[in-house]
């Protein structure tokens, strides 16, 4: 059997390019490691420095809220596989959910800051009047990270989201 070394060179290049493009299309599944939601109070975000200067100090946390002036509410804690700072294309988070108080889907779009801190966690809060009370429960949710043009970059959803 006579195999010339250069005979399959172009097949390897095609295979290499195919895996590169496939990897970028599968990015949505792999960017978000986990998501969970929990109620958080004003005290959850207070630090010692706030008692001295009165300003909220997020530290290295990346916190975005549906109503920036209100801190208390239901927060989605998103854990990324890499630091957020490595993803300058991240522009906004879209949260869709169904609650026990309504049969209609509710949608929130939370813009992300231009400069993202070096953290793997994003706290995306539905706060103020957007989160009516502690009796409200999330039944199903879908979370999408989008770029500035509205293209989906990464997404995660609850088990019940796909159920009819």
Protein backbone atom coordinates (compact mmCIF):
# COMPACT_ATOMS: atom_id res chain seq x y z
CA UNK A 1 0.00 0.00 0.00
CA UNK A 2 1.47 3.30 -1.10
CA UNK A 3 0.26 6.34 0.90
CA UNK A 4 1.74 9.67 0.00
CA UNK A 5 2.07 12.11 2.91
CA UNK A 6 0.50 15.07 1.10
CA UNK A 7 -2.49 13.21 -0.28
CA UNK A 8 -4.82 13.90 2.67
CA UNK A 9 -3.54 17.37 3.49
CA UNK A 10 -6.65 19.16 2.24
CA UNK A 11 -9.01 16.77 4.02
CA UNK A 12 -7.32 17.66 7.33
CA UNK A 13 -7.69 21.36 6.61
CA UNK A 14 -11.38 20.91 5.81
CA UNK A 15 -11.85 18.83 8.98
CA UNK A 16 -10.03 21.43 11.07
CA UNK A 17 -12.17 24.28 9.69
CA UNK A 18 -15.36 22.27 10.22
CA UNK A 19 -14.54 21.69 13.89
CA UNK A 20 -13.75 25.40 14.36
CA UNK A 21 -17.11 26.48 12.93
CA UNK A 22 -19.00 23.76 14.78
CA UNK A 23 -17.43 24.90 18.04
CA UNK A 24 -18.69 28.45 17.55
CA UNK A 25 -22.22 27.22 16.84
CA UNK A 26 -22.22 25.10 20.00
CA UNK A 27 -21.08 28.06 22.08
CA UNK A 28 -24.60 28.73 23.40
CA UNK A 29 -24.71 25.44 25.27
CA UNK A 30 -21.27 25.70 26.81
CA UNK A 31 -20.92 29.35 27.93
CA UNK A 32 -23.34 29.11 30.86
CA UNK A 33 -22.31 26.56 33.45
CA UNK A 34 -25.34 26.88 35.75
CA UNK A 35 -28.29 29.09 36.64
CA UNK A 36 -30.37 29.18 39.78
CA UNK A 37 -32.72 31.78 41.21
CA UNK A 38 -33.28 32.97 44.74
CA UNK A 39 -34.87 35.88 46.58
CA UNK A 40 -32.40 38.48 47.83
CA UNK A 41 -32.92 41.40 50.17
CA UNK A 42 -31.30 44.82 50.35
CA UNK A 43 -29.01 43.49 53.08
CA UNK A 44 -27.66 40.85 50.70
CA UNK A 45 -25.85 43.60 48.80
CA UNK A 46 -24.69 45.88 51.61
CA UNK A 47 -21.01 46.12 52.43
CA UNK A 48 -19.18 47.94 55.18
CA UNK A 49 -18.06 50.73 52.83
CA UNK A 50 -21.71 51.62 52.15
CA UNK A 51 -22.17 52.67 55.78
CA UNK A 52 -19.39 55.27 55.33
CA UNK A 53 -20.13 56.74 51.91
CA UNK A 54 -23.74 55.66 51.24
CA UNK A 55 -22.94 54.30 47.76
CA UNK A 56 -23.51 50.70 46.75
CA UNK A 57 -20.23 48.86 46.32
CA UNK A 58 -20.70 45.75 44.16
CA UNK A 59 -17.03 44.76 44.51
CA UNK A 60 -16.22 42.20 41.84
CA UNK A 61 -19.87 41.23 41.46
CA UNK A 62 -21.65 41.87 38.19
CA UNK A 63 -25.15 42.96 39.21
CA UNK A 64 -27.88 44.04 36.79
CA UNK A 65 -31.45 44.80 37.81
CA UNK A 66 -34.76 45.39 36.05
CA UNK A 67 -35.17 48.49 38.24
CA UNK A 68 -31.65 49.68 39.13
CA UNK A 69 -32.73 51.74 42.14
CA UNK A 70 -34.40 48.77 43.86
CA UNK A 71 -32.21 45.99 45.23
CA UNK A 72 -34.68 43.53 46.74
CA UNK A 73 -36.25 40.96 44.46
CA UNK A 74 -35.73 37.63 42.73
CA UNK A 75 -32.23 37.12 41.33
CA UNK A 76 -30.95 34.70 38.73
CA UNK A 77 -27.38 33.76 39.62
CA UNK A 78 -25.65 32.86 36.37
CA UNK A 79 -22.33 31.04 36.57
CA UNK A 80 -20.24 31.26 33.41
CA UNK A 81 -17.51 28.83 32.38
CA UNK A 82 -15.06 31.75 31.92
CA UNK A 83 -14.79 35.23 33.39
CA UNK A 84 -17.32 37.70 32.01
CA UNK A 85 -14.46 40.05 31.07
CA UNK A 86 -13.43 37.54 28.37
CA UNK A 87 -16.76 38.13 26.62
CA UNK A 88 -16.88 41.74 25.38
CA UNK A 89 -19.72 40.77 23.02
CA UNK A 90 -22.12 40.26 25.97
CA UNK A 91 -24.57 43.20 25.84
CA UNK A 92 -27.80 42.16 27.57
CA UNK A 93 -29.61 39.40 29.38
CA UNK A 94 -33.14 38.47 28.40
CA UNK A 95 -35.18 36.65 31.04
CA UNK A 96 -38.50 35.05 30.12
CA UNK A 97 -40.60 33.46 32.82
CA UNK A 98 -43.95 32.14 33.91
CA UNK A 99 -45.06 32.78 37.48
CA UNK A 100 -47.86 31.43 39.61
CA UNK A 101 -49.60 34.83 39.46
CA UNK A 102 -50.17 34.90 35.69
CA UNK A 103 -50.73 32.59 32.74
CA UNK A 104 -48.85 34.98 30.44
CA UNK A 105 -45.12 34.94 29.79
CA UNK A 106 -43.24 37.88 31.28
CA UNK A 107 -40.04 39.15 29.65
CA UNK A 108 -37.29 41.35 31.05
CA UNK A 109 -34.25 42.70 29.19
CA UNK A 110 -31.36 43.76 31.41
CA UNK A 111 -28.49 45.67 29.75
CA UNK A 112 -24.97 44.71 30.79
CA UNK A 113 -22.28 47.34 31.38
CA UNK A 114 -19.78 47.98 28.58
CA UNK A 115 -16.86 46.96 30.79
CA UNK A 116 -17.44 43.58 32.40
CA UNK A 117 -15.59 42.69 35.61
CA UNK A 118 -13.43 39.59 36.02
CA UNK A 119 -16.06 37.35 37.57
CA UNK A 120 -17.79 34.16 36.59
CA UNK A 121 -21.08 35.09 38.30
CA UNK A 122 -23.76 37.46 37.08
CA UNK A 123 -26.59 38.48 39.39
CA UNK A 124 -29.59 39.34 37.18
CA UNK A 125 -32.37 40.71 39.36
CA UNK A 126 -36.04 41.26 38.81
CA UNK A 127 -36.56 43.98 41.38
CA UNK A 128 -38.90 46.69 42.62
CA UNK A 129 -42.39 46.75 41.16
CA UNK A 130 -41.34 44.14 38.59
CA UNK A 131 -41.28 41.55 41.39
CA UNK A 132 -44.62 42.00 43.16
CA UNK A 133 -44.13 40.12 46.44
CA UNK A 134 -42.55 37.16 48.20
CA UNK A 135 -45.61 35.01 47.38
CA UNK A 136 -44.73 35.02 43.67
CA UNK A 137 -43.05 31.84 42.50
CA UNK A 138 -41.28 31.13 39.24
CA UNK A 139 -42.74 28.08 37.50
CA UNK A 140 -40.60 28.05 34.34
CA UNK A 141 -37.85 30.29 33.00
CA UNK A 142 -35.55 30.84 30.06
CA UNK A 143 -32.43 33.01 30.19
CA UNK A 144 -30.58 34.27 27.09
CA UNK A 145 -27.38 36.31 26.87
CA UNK A 146 -27.39 38.45 23.73
CA UNK A 147 -24.96 40.68 21.86
CA UNK A 148 -25.64 44.32 20.95
CA UNK A 149 -27.49 43.31 17.76
CA UNK A 150 -29.85 40.98 19.64
CA UNK A 151 -28.19 37.73 18.53
CA UNK A 152 -28.31 34.93 21.07
CA UNK A 153 -24.88 34.01 22.41
CA UNK A 154 -25.72 31.71 25.30
CA UNK A 155 -28.91 30.36 26.83
CA UNK A 156 -30.20 28.15 29.59
CA UNK A 157 -33.74 27.16 30.52
CA UNK A 158 -35.56 25.35 33.27
CA UNK A 159 -36.79 21.81 32.79
CA UNK A 160 -40.42 22.95 32.66
CA UNK A 161 -39.79 25.54 29.95
CA UNK A 162 -40.10 22.96 27.18
CA UNK A 163 -43.17 21.30 28.68
CA UNK A 164 -46.50 22.16 27.04
